[in-house]
């Protein structure tokens, strides 16, 4: 049985975590931005990077969203040991998300109406920020005796430029990397809100690849990069799209990659999400 106070405490924690995800840059991201400012040779692009860091400082101090596109909440639960996820806890999490979106406040983005009206956006928007439901919650088992919640706020621009598709790998890692770099380079030129952060999941199915991409965003660090991540970042920077597309040395700040189980097949399913300059917007708490 779950303690009666647990759902109420969870609601408060979830609310605070959503606000933190929306308003605070991690220390490792601020450090890599400062490094980018010092190395960027294009003066206009350097100014953009300086403004991005200043905007982040103001957002954290005032608890205002780092971007007007406040995003769709995505939740990953890590559960292990003797812990259990009850219906009451899930309800408390949903309530915490709603309260956090009102408190920020998030931008009203929920489309009203039936299936056809929502698809056509013909019935207008609900003005309550909390009317926007979170994406389906993903639950993952971990070895710790814990329930840990991660919240990601996913903006629309990166979703428009994202891609999940098969890659015929030819038993060569280089083929997969080439395809990822081609996708990311094209998307960077169209994203607008660069510098970007490519987040990549490679799995056996489209669902798994997308789930791994979210995990990459949750657990990735700007100051800890694998050789593959460094290679992708280096090659995306060679496009010289630059901050806001103004040209320059810094098109990508870092790359976050998560490779899952694979099967004997001629293809790998790759999910790429080209996070914008304020992403990943993520924060975590233990419930």
Protein backbone atom coordinates (compact mmCIF):
# COMPACT_ATOMS: atom_id res chain seq x y z
CA UNK A 1 0.00 0.00 0.00
CA UNK A 2 1.11 3.55 -0.71
CA UNK A 3 1.10 6.02 2.15
CA UNK A 4 -1.85 8.41 1.89
CA UNK A 5 0.46 11.43 2.00
CA UNK A 6 2.65 10.09 -0.79
CA UNK A 7 0.46 11.21 -3.73
CA UNK A 8 0.10 14.72 -2.26
CA UNK A 9 3.86 15.04 -1.75
CA UNK A 10 4.39 13.69 -5.26
CA UNK A 11 2.13 16.37 -6.74
CA UNK A 12 4.19 19.12 -5.14
CA UNK A 13 7.48 17.58 -6.27
CA UNK A 14 6.25 17.11 -9.83
CA UNK A 15 5.04 20.70 -9.99
CA UNK A 16 8.43 21.98 -8.79
CA UNK A 17 10.31 19.69 -11.19
CA UNK A 18 8.29 20.86 -14.21
CA UNK A 19 8.98 24.49 -13.32
CA UNK A 20 12.68 23.74 -12.90
CA UNK A 21 12.83 21.95 -16.26
CA UNK A 22 11.23 24.94 -17.93
CA UNK A 23 13.31 27.67 -16.29
CA UNK A 24 16.79 26.39 -15.42
CA UNK A 25 19.80 25.49 -17.59
CA UNK A 26 22.01 22.77 -16.11
CA UNK A 27 25.50 23.78 -14.98
CA UNK A 28 27.14 21.65 -17.68
CA UNK A 29 25.06 23.37 -20.37
CA UNK A 30 25.96 26.82 -19.07
CA UNK A 31 29.63 25.82 -19.07
CA UNK A 32 29.54 24.60 -22.68
CA UNK A 33 27.71 27.76 -23.75
CA UNK A 34 30.40 29.88 -22.09
CA UNK A 35 33.04 27.86 -23.90
CA UNK A 36 31.17 28.38 -27.18
CA UNK A 37 31.12 32.13 -26.58
CA UNK A 38 34.89 32.12 -26.13
CA UNK A 39 35.55 30.12 -29.32
CA UNK A 40 32.92 31.55 -31.72
CA UNK A 41 34.66 33.70 -34.35
CA UNK A 42 31.55 35.30 -35.88
CA UNK A 43 30.76 38.42 -33.80
CA UNK A 44 27.03 38.32 -34.55
CA UNK A 45 26.86 34.65 -33.61
CA UNK A 46 28.90 35.31 -30.46
CA UNK A 47 26.29 37.93 -29.48
CA UNK A 48 23.50 35.36 -29.97
CA UNK A 49 25.27 32.92 -27.66
CA UNK A 50 25.75 35.65 -25.05
CA UNK A 51 22.06 36.52 -25.22
CA UNK A 52 21.11 32.84 -24.88
CA UNK A 53 23.13 32.56 -21.68
CA UNK A 54 21.79 35.86 -20.35
CA UNK A 55 18.23 34.75 -21.13
CA UNK A 56 18.86 31.55 -19.16
CA UNK A 57 20.11 33.49 -16.14
CA UNK A 58 17.05 35.76 -16.19
CA UNK A 59 14.67 32.80 -16.60
CA UNK A 60 16.20 31.01 -13.60
CA UNK A 61 16.08 34.11 -11.38
CA UNK A 62 12.49 35.03 -12.27
CA UNK A 63 11.16 31.47 -12.78
CA UNK A 64 9.96 32.32 -16.26
CA UNK A 65 10.14 29.83 -19.15
CA UNK A 66 13.36 29.91 -21.18
CA UNK A 67 11.27 30.01 -24.38
CA UNK A 68 7.80 31.18 -25.42
CA UNK A 69 7.22 27.69 -26.86
CA UNK A 70 6.87 26.16 -23.41
CA UNK A 71 6.58 22.64 -24.77
CA UNK A 72 4.75 19.35 -24.27
CA UNK A 73 5.51 17.50 -20.99
CA UNK A 74 7.13 14.07 -21.43
CA UNK A 75 7.64 11.90 -18.35
CA UNK A 76 10.02 9.03 -17.72
CA UNK A 77 9.66 7.07 -14.47
CA UNK A 78 12.52 4.90 -13.23
CA UNK A 79 11.28 2.32 -10.73
CA UNK A 80 13.24 -0.30 -8.80
CA UNK A 81 13.59 -2.37 -5.64
CA UNK A 82 10.49 -2.56 -3.45
CA UNK A 83 8.87 0.48 -5.03
CA UNK A 84 5.58 0.31 -6.91
CA UNK A 85 3.65 2.68 -9.15
CA UNK A 86 -0.01 2.92 -8.18
CA UNK A 87 -2.93 4.49 -9.98
CA UNK A 88 -2.95 7.09 -7.22
CA UNK A 89 0.65 8.01 -7.88
CA UNK A 90 -0.01 8.37 -11.62
CA UNK A 91 -2.94 10.64 -10.83
CA UNK A 92 -0.75 12.69 -8.49
CA UNK A 93 1.88 13.04 -11.24
CA UNK A 94 -0.73 14.25 -13.73
CA UNK A 95 -2.02 16.73 -11.15
CA UNK A 96 1.51 17.99 -10.49
CA UNK A 97 2.07 18.53 -14.20
CA UNK A 98 -1.18 20.49 -14.45
CA UNK A 99 -0.32 22.68 -11.46
CA UNK A 100 3.18 23.32 -12.77
CA UNK A 101 1.89 24.37 -16.18
CA UNK A 102 -0.53 26.83 -14.59
CA UNK A 103 2.09 28.20 -12.21
CA UNK A 104 4.70 29.02 -14.88
CA UNK A 105 2.40 29.63 -16.77
CA UNK A 106 2.86 27.55 -19.91
CA UNK A 107 1.52 28.78 -23.21
CA UNK A 108 -2.06 27.61 -23.92
CA UNK A 109 -1.64 24.98 -26.64
CA UNK A 110 -4.40 22.41 -26.10
CA UNK A 111 -6.57 22.05 -29.20
CA UNK A 112 -10.29 21.61 -28.44
CA UNK A 113 -12.87 19.43 -30.13
CA UNK A 114 -13.40 15.91 -31.45
CA UNK A 115 -10.88 13.95 -33.52
CA UNK A 116 -11.52 15.87 -36.72
CA UNK A 117 -11.66 19.26 -34.99
CA UNK A 118 -8.38 18.61 -33.19
CA UNK A 119 -6.67 17.52 -36.38
CA UNK A 120 -7.97 20.55 -38.29
CA UNK A 121 -7.59 22.90 -35.29
CA UNK A 122 -11.03 24.25 -36.16
CA UNK A 123 -12.53 24.52 -32.65
CA UNK A 124 -9.86 26.79 -31.23
CA UNK A 125 -7.57 26.50 -28.22
CA UNK A 126 -8.30 25.91 -24.55
CA UNK A 127 -6.94 28.91 -22.64
CA UNK A 128 -6.07 26.81 -19.59
CA UNK A 129 -2.38 25.78 -19.85
CA UNK A 130 -3.22 22.65 -17.83
CA UNK A 131 -5.65 21.47 -20.51
CA UNK A 132 -2.59 20.25 -22.42
CA UNK A 133 -2.11 16.64 -21.28
CA UNK A 134 1.38 15.15 -20.99
CA UNK A 135 2.59 12.56 -23.46
CA UNK A 136 2.11 8.91 -22.37
CA UNK A 137 4.25 8.14 -19.33
CA UNK A 138 7.11 5.69 -19.89
CA UNK A 139 8.16 3.45 -16.97
CA UNK A 140 11.58 1.79 -16.84
CA UNK A 141 12.96 -0.64 -14.27
CA UNK A 142 16.26 0.28 -12.56
CA UNK A 143 18.42 -1.51 -10.00
CA UNK A 144 18.03 1.13 -7.28
CA UNK A 145 15.28 1.05 -4.65
CA UNK A 146 13.70 4.23 -5.93
CA UNK A 147 10.99 5.95 -7.92
CA UNK A 148 12.71 8.68 -9.91
CA UNK A 149 10.80 11.02 -12.19
CA UNK A 150 12.25 12.87 -15.15
CA UNK A 151 10.30 15.61 -16.95
CA UNK A 152 11.19 16.86 -20.42
CA UNK A 153 9.45 19.87 -21.99
CA UNK A 154 9.51 19.26 -25.74
CA UNK A 155 9.11 22.26 -28.03
CA UNK A 156 7.47 22.24 -31.45
CA UNK A 157 10.38 23.38 -33.63
CA UNK A 158 12.56 20.34 -32.89
CA UNK A 159 9.56 18.06 -33.46
CA UNK A 160 9.05 19.55 -36.92
CA UNK A 161 12.71 18.92 -37.78
CA UNK A 162 12.92 15.48 -36.14
CA UNK A 163 13.05 12.20 -38.01
CA UNK A 164 12.57 8.50 -37.18
CA UNK A 165 13.47 6.17 -40.00
CA UNK A 166 15.36 3.03 -41.00
CA UNK A 167 19.02 3.05 -41.94
CA UNK A 168 20.49 0.20 -43.99
CA UNK A 169 23.66 -0.12 -41.95
CA UNK A 170 25.73 -2.43 -44.21
CA UNK A 171 27.42 -3.66 -41.00
CA UNK A 172 29.28 -0.35 -40.74
CA UNK A 173 28.96 2.22 -37.98
CA UNK A 174 30.18 4.86 -40.44
CA UNK A 175 27.07 4.36 -42.61
CA UNK A 176 24.79 5.04 -39.63
CA UNK A 177 26.78 8.11 -38.57
CA UNK A 178 26.79 9.47 -42.13
CA UNK A 179 23.00 9.19 -42.28
CA UNK A 180 22.55 10.86 -38.89
CA UNK A 181 24.88 13.71 -39.86
CA UNK A 182 23.04 14.22 -43.16
CA UNK A 183 19.70 14.44 -41.34
CA UNK A 184 21.07 16.72 -38.62
CA UNK A 185 22.86 19.02 -41.08
CA UNK A 186 19.73 19.51 -43.16
CA UNK A 187 17.58 20.08 -40.08
CA UNK A 188 20.05 22.54 -38.53
CA UNK A 189 19.72 24.82 -41.55
CA UNK A 190 15.93 24.83 -41.12
CA UNK A 191 15.60 24.84 -37.32
CA UNK A 192 16.19 28.54 -36.75
CA UNK A 193 16.89 28.29 -33.01
CA UNK A 194 20.47 27.06 -33.23
CA UNK A 195 22.89 26.15 -31.67
CA UNK A 196 21.24 22.75 -31.58
CA UNK A 197 21.67 19.60 -29.51
CA UNK A 198 21.08 16.45 -31.60
CA UNK A 199 19.43 13.75 -29.46
CA UNK A 200 19.53 10.28 -31.00
CA UNK A 201 18.10 6.88 -30.15
CA UNK A 202 18.95 3.73 -32.10
CA UNK A 203 16.70 0.74 -31.50
CA UNK A 204 14.81 -2.18 -33.05
CA UNK A 205 11.48 -0.41 -33.61
CA UNK A 206 10.31 3.15 -34.13
CA UNK A 207 8.81 3.22 -30.61
CA UNK A 208 12.00 1.92 -29.04
CA UNK A 209 14.20 4.34 -30.97
CA UNK A 210 12.04 7.29 -29.87
CA UNK A 211 12.12 6.07 -26.26
CA UNK A 212 15.91 5.77 -26.37
CA UNK A 213 16.12 9.29 -27.79
CA UNK A 214 14.21 10.58 -24.75
CA UNK A 215 16.56 8.66 -22.46
CA UNK A 216 19.51 10.23 -24.23
CA UNK A 217 18.09 13.67 -23.45
CA UNK A 218 17.46 12.77 -19.80
CA UNK A 219 20.88 11.26 -19.07
CA UNK A 220 23.12 13.08 -21.54
CA UNK A 221 25.74 15.51 -20.29
CA UNK A 222 27.40 18.32 -22.19
CA UNK A 223 30.70 17.68 -20.42
CA UNK A 224 30.75 13.89 -20.96
CA UNK A 225 30.74 12.98 -24.65
CA UNK A 226 31.55 9.65 -26.29
CA UNK A 227 33.70 9.46 -29.42
CA UNK A 228 30.58 8.96 -31.56
CA UNK A 229 28.85 11.95 -29.97
CA UNK A 230 31.93 14.12 -30.49
CA UNK A 231 32.17 13.04 -34.13
CA UNK A 232 28.53 13.95 -34.85
CA UNK A 233 28.90 17.33 -33.14
CA UNK A 234 32.13 18.06 -35.04
CA UNK A 235 30.59 17.25 -38.40
CA UNK A 236 27.38 19.22 -37.74
CA UNK A 237 29.54 22.20 -36.79
CA UNK A 238 31.27 21.91 -40.16
CA UNK A 239 28.01 23.05 -41.78
CA UNK A 240 28.72 26.50 -40.31
CA UNK A 241 25.00 27.21 -40.01
CA UNK A 242 25.84 28.94 -36.73
CA UNK A 243 23.60 30.41 -34.02
CA UNK A 244 20.24 31.54 -35.45
CA UNK A 245 21.57 30.57 -38.88
CA UNK A 246 23.95 33.55 -38.92
CA UNK A 247 26.98 31.42 -39.74
CA UNK A 248 29.91 30.62 -37.49
CA UNK A 249 31.73 27.88 -35.66
CA UNK A 250 29.02 26.66 -33.28
CA UNK A 251 26.01 24.97 -34.86
CA UNK A 252 25.78 22.11 -32.32
CA UNK A 253 26.72 22.37 -28.65
CA UNK A 254 26.85 18.61 -28.04
CA UNK A 255 25.21 15.35 -29.09
CA UNK A 256 23.28 12.92 -26.88
CA UNK A 257 23.16 9.32 -28.14
CA UNK A 258 21.58 6.18 -26.64
CA UNK A 259 22.00 2.81 -28.36
CA UNK A 260 19.60 0.07 -27.31
CA UNK A 261 19.42 -3.67 -28.01
CA UNK A 262 19.70 -4.58 -31.68
CA UNK A 263 18.49 -7.53 -33.73
CA UNK A 264 19.91 -9.47 -36.67
CA UNK A 265 18.64 -7.27 -39.47
CA UNK A 266 19.82 -5.18 -42.38
CA UNK A 267 18.40 -2.03 -40.82
CA UNK A 268 18.76 0.04 -37.68
CA UNK A 269 15.87 2.28 -36.60
CA UNK A 270 17.21 5.73 -35.81
CA UNK A 271 15.31 8.56 -34.10
CA UNK A 272 16.84 12.03 -34.34
CA UNK A 273 15.49 15.06 -32.51
CA UNK A 274 17.39 18.26 -33.12
CA UNK A 275 16.94 20.07 -29.82
CA UNK A 276 16.94 23.86 -30.04
CA UNK A 277 19.16 26.29 -28.14
CA UNK A 278 17.13 26.03 -24.89
CA UNK A 279 16.94 22.24 -24.93
CA UNK A 280 17.03 19.71 -23.47
CA UNK A 281 14.60 21.20 -20.95
CA UNK A 282 14.68 18.47 -18.36
CA UNK A 283 14.70 18.08 -14.59
CA UNK A 284 14.40 15.15 -12.20
CA UNK A 285 13.29 14.31 -8.69
CA UNK A 286 12.90 11.28 -6.41
CA UNK A 287 9.28 10.65 -5.42
